[in-house]
């Protein structure tokens, strides 16, 4: 048995991000990641299928959390209100992870293969949300539309959250993005404006 190493996954992920930032994703090898973390390649493969999965290992947890929060919303909640409950849960999921997320996002945006993988993961989240809404009795196409809207709000809110200089927590950014989506749908956003127009 190999010696137990504390925080092995986190050490590998941090080492991978550092190397991806320094050398580029495509130029970095698993051996280099393991070496930077002070571990072996064998240890790396106990935790990650390949060097790409270091960047996407939490996607399943995020999808489950999002869908479970939507499922747990009050039965009387409208589809978008149920999605809003999921967005609140997602906001808490990312607490304390901004710098890691910023670095990860920069690596992904620099590599076409990783951008494609990110889109696949987001599509999986959308499918899970749509299935959850259908189980709540939401018919099609409302279930799929609400799910896609939720993923779009998450994507926009996440991009705001990792933007340089941004210091606000993710949860209020997600709520703001959802409010703006509702305003657009209601025809209450002035052309060229970033804020909803008051109808008072």
Protein backbone atom coordinates (compact mmCIF):
# COMPACT_ATOMS: atom_id res chain seq x y z
CA UNK A 1 0.00 0.00 0.00
CA UNK A 2 1.24 3.47 -0.87
CA UNK A 3 1.60 6.08 1.84
CA UNK A 4 -1.61 8.06 2.41
CA UNK A 5 -1.26 11.64 1.26
CA UNK A 6 -3.62 14.30 2.68
CA UNK A 7 -5.50 16.55 0.22
CA UNK A 8 -4.18 14.57 -2.73
CA UNK A 9 -6.91 15.62 -5.18
CA UNK A 10 -6.55 19.26 -4.25
CA UNK A 11 -2.76 19.14 -4.57
CA UNK A 12 -3.00 17.55 -8.00
CA UNK A 13 -5.62 20.06 -9.15
CA UNK A 14 -3.56 23.01 -7.94
CA UNK A 15 -0.40 21.65 -9.55
CA UNK A 16 -2.25 21.09 -12.83
CA UNK A 17 -3.65 24.62 -12.88
CA UNK A 18 -0.24 26.11 -12.16
CA UNK A 19 1.35 24.17 -15.00
CA UNK A 20 -1.49 24.85 -17.43
CA UNK A 21 -1.07 28.54 -16.71
CA UNK A 22 2.71 28.43 -17.09
CA UNK A 23 3.10 26.09 -20.06
CA UNK A 24 -0.35 25.68 -21.56
CA UNK A 25 -2.72 22.76 -21.24
CA UNK A 26 -1.55 20.88 -24.32
CA UNK A 27 2.14 21.13 -23.37
CA UNK A 28 1.65 19.80 -19.83
CA UNK A 29 1.98 16.08 -19.08
CA UNK A 30 0.49 13.99 -16.29
CA UNK A 31 4.03 13.17 -15.13
CA UNK A 32 4.74 16.89 -14.73
CA UNK A 33 1.53 17.44 -12.78
CA UNK A 34 2.28 14.55 -10.44
CA UNK A 35 5.85 15.74 -10.01
CA UNK A 36 4.79 19.30 -9.18
CA UNK A 37 2.42 17.90 -6.55
CA UNK A 38 5.13 15.64 -5.12
CA UNK A 39 3.17 12.52 -6.09
CA UNK A 40 3.41 9.69 -8.61
CA UNK A 41 1.63 9.24 -11.94
CA UNK A 42 -0.04 6.18 -10.46
CA UNK A 43 -1.49 8.35 -7.71
CA UNK A 44 -2.71 10.84 -10.30
CA UNK A 45 -4.65 8.14 -12.14
CA UNK A 46 -6.25 6.97 -8.91
CA UNK A 47 -7.97 10.34 -8.73
CA UNK A 48 -8.41 11.51 -12.33
CA UNK A 49 -8.99 9.65 -15.59
CA UNK A 50 -6.80 12.08 -17.52
CA UNK A 51 -5.35 15.58 -17.32
CA UNK A 52 -8.54 17.08 -18.75
CA UNK A 53 -10.71 15.73 -15.93
CA UNK A 54 -8.74 17.74 -13.39
CA UNK A 55 -10.68 20.73 -14.70
CA UNK A 56 -14.10 19.05 -14.73
CA UNK A 57 -14.03 16.73 -11.72
CA UNK A 58 -16.60 18.80 -9.79
CA UNK A 59 -19.11 19.00 -12.64
CA UNK A 60 -21.13 16.02 -11.44
CA UNK A 61 -21.41 17.43 -7.93
CA UNK A 62 -22.53 20.78 -9.33
CA UNK A 63 -25.15 19.12 -11.54
CA UNK A 64 -26.50 17.05 -8.64
CA UNK A 65 -26.67 20.05 -6.31
CA UNK A 66 -28.45 22.19 -8.91
CA UNK A 67 -31.01 19.49 -9.73
CA UNK A 68 -31.62 18.53 -6.10
CA UNK A 69 -32.29 22.15 -5.12
CA UNK A 70 -34.77 22.51 -8.00
CA UNK A 71 -36.47 19.29 -6.91
CA UNK A 72 -36.71 20.55 -3.32
CA UNK A 73 -38.37 23.86 -4.23
CA UNK A 74 -41.94 24.28 -2.97
CA UNK A 75 -44.50 22.42 -5.09
CA UNK A 76 -46.27 25.70 -5.79
CA UNK A 77 -43.14 27.32 -7.23
CA UNK A 78 -43.26 28.32 -10.90
CA UNK A 79 -40.59 26.69 -13.10
CA UNK A 80 -38.25 29.69 -13.05
CA UNK A 81 -38.71 30.08 -9.31
CA UNK A 82 -37.68 26.46 -8.85
CA UNK A 83 -34.65 27.13 -11.06
CA UNK A 84 -33.89 30.18 -8.90
CA UNK A 85 -33.68 27.88 -5.86
CA UNK A 86 -31.13 25.83 -7.77
CA UNK A 87 -29.13 28.94 -8.63
CA UNK A 88 -29.01 29.93 -4.95
CA UNK A 89 -27.58 26.51 -4.10
CA UNK A 90 -25.02 26.81 -6.88
CA UNK A 91 -23.93 30.19 -5.57
CA UNK A 92 -23.03 28.64 -2.22
CA UNK A 93 -21.20 25.77 -3.96
CA UNK A 94 -18.60 28.20 -5.32
CA UNK A 95 -18.00 30.11 -2.08
CA UNK A 96 -14.27 30.55 -1.50
CA UNK A 97 -13.30 29.16 -4.92
CA UNK A 98 -13.01 32.32 -7.02
CA UNK A 99 -9.25 32.29 -7.66
CA UNK A 100 -9.27 28.63 -8.61
CA UNK A 101 -12.29 29.26 -10.86
CA UNK A 102 -10.64 32.28 -12.52
CA UNK A 103 -7.51 30.29 -13.35
CA UNK A 104 -9.55 27.32 -14.54
CA UNK A 105 -11.69 29.54 -16.77
CA UNK A 106 -8.62 31.10 -18.38
CA UNK A 107 -7.19 27.65 -19.15
CA UNK A 108 -10.48 26.45 -20.64
CA UNK A 109 -10.99 29.53 -22.79
CA UNK A 110 -7.48 29.13 -24.24
CA UNK A 111 -8.10 25.58 -25.54
CA UNK A 112 -10.77 24.55 -28.06
CA UNK A 113 -10.94 20.98 -26.74
CA UNK A 114 -11.66 22.25 -23.23
CA UNK A 115 -14.25 24.77 -24.41
CA UNK A 116 -16.08 21.92 -26.14
CA UNK A 117 -15.93 19.83 -22.97
CA UNK A 118 -17.33 22.73 -20.95
CA UNK A 119 -20.29 23.02 -23.33
CA UNK A 120 -20.94 19.29 -23.02
CA UNK A 121 -20.96 19.57 -19.24
CA UNK A 122 -23.38 22.51 -19.36
CA UNK A 123 -25.65 20.58 -21.71
CA UNK A 124 -25.67 17.73 -19.19
CA UNK A 125 -26.71 20.17 -16.45
CA UNK A 126 -29.51 21.49 -18.64
CA UNK A 127 -30.77 17.96 -19.36
CA UNK A 128 -30.74 17.11 -15.64
CA UNK A 129 -32.68 20.27 -14.79
CA UNK A 130 -35.25 19.64 -17.52
CA UNK A 131 -35.77 16.08 -16.27
CA UNK A 132 -36.19 17.37 -12.71
CA UNK A 133 -38.76 19.95 -13.82
CA UNK A 134 -40.70 17.31 -15.76
CA UNK A 135 -40.84 15.19 -12.61
CA UNK A 136 -42.30 18.24 -10.88
CA UNK A 137 -45.10 18.21 -13.45
CA UNK A 138 -43.79 20.96 -15.72
CA UNK A 139 -44.78 20.13 -19.32
CA UNK A 140 -42.66 20.53 -22.41
CA UNK A 141 -41.45 22.82 -23.84
CA UNK A 142 -41.63 24.82 -20.58
CA UNK A 143 -39.37 22.36 -18.74
CA UNK A 144 -36.59 22.50 -21.34
CA UNK A 145 -36.90 26.25 -21.82
CA UNK A 146 -36.67 26.87 -18.06
CA UNK A 147 -33.70 24.53 -17.76
CA UNK A 148 -31.85 26.22 -20.63
CA UNK A 149 -32.64 29.61 -19.10
CA UNK A 150 -31.21 28.47 -15.78
CA UNK A 151 -27.98 27.31 -17.40
CA UNK A 152 -27.73 30.58 -19.36
CA UNK A 153 -28.18 32.57 -16.15
CA UNK A 154 -25.53 30.45 -14.45
CA UNK A 155 -23.11 30.94 -17.35
CA UNK A 156 -23.56 34.73 -17.42
CA UNK A 157 -23.39 35.02 -13.63
CA UNK A 158 -20.30 32.82 -13.46
CA UNK A 159 -18.52 34.91 -16.11
CA UNK A 160 -19.31 38.06 -14.13
CA UNK A 161 -18.06 36.43 -10.94
CA UNK A 162 -14.66 35.47 -12.39
CA UNK A 163 -14.18 38.78 -14.22
CA UNK A 164 -11.07 40.77 -13.19
CA UNK A 165 -11.78 43.09 -10.30
CA UNK A 166 -15.12 41.51 -9.38
CA UNK A 167 -15.48 41.06 -5.63
CA UNK A 168 -19.18 40.34 -5.15
CA UNK A 169 -20.27 36.84 -4.18
CA UNK A 170 -21.72 34.63 -6.87
CA UNK A 171 -25.21 34.31 -5.36
CA UNK A 172 -26.23 37.98 -5.84
CA UNK A 173 -24.70 37.99 -9.33
CA UNK A 174 -26.82 34.99 -10.25
CA UNK A 175 -29.94 36.64 -8.84
CA UNK A 176 -29.18 39.83 -10.78
CA UNK A 177 -28.74 37.83 -13.99
CA UNK A 178 -32.03 36.02 -13.42
CA UNK A 179 -33.81 39.33 -12.74
CA UNK A 180 -32.43 40.70 -16.01
CA UNK A 181 -33.62 37.62 -17.88
CA UNK A 182 -37.12 38.07 -16.42
CA UNK A 183 -37.03 41.74 -17.43
CA UNK A 184 -36.01 40.86 -21.00
CA UNK A 185 -38.79 38.27 -21.21
CA UNK A 186 -41.29 40.84 -19.97
CA UNK A 187 -40.08 43.46 -22.44
CA UNK A 188 -38.95 45.76 -19.64
CA UNK A 189 -35.28 46.24 -20.56
CA UNK A 190 -34.53 49.48 -22.38
CA UNK A 191 -32.38 49.22 -25.47
CA UNK A 192 -28.75 49.77 -24.48
CA UNK A 193 -29.55 49.49 -20.78
CA UNK A 194 -28.17 46.88 -18.43
CA UNK A 195 -30.84 47.35 -15.80
CA UNK A 196 -34.57 46.59 -15.88
CA UNK A 197 -36.87 49.51 -16.57
CA UNK A 198 -39.25 50.33 -13.75
CA UNK A 199 -42.95 50.24 -14.62
CA UNK A 200 -43.94 52.06 -11.42
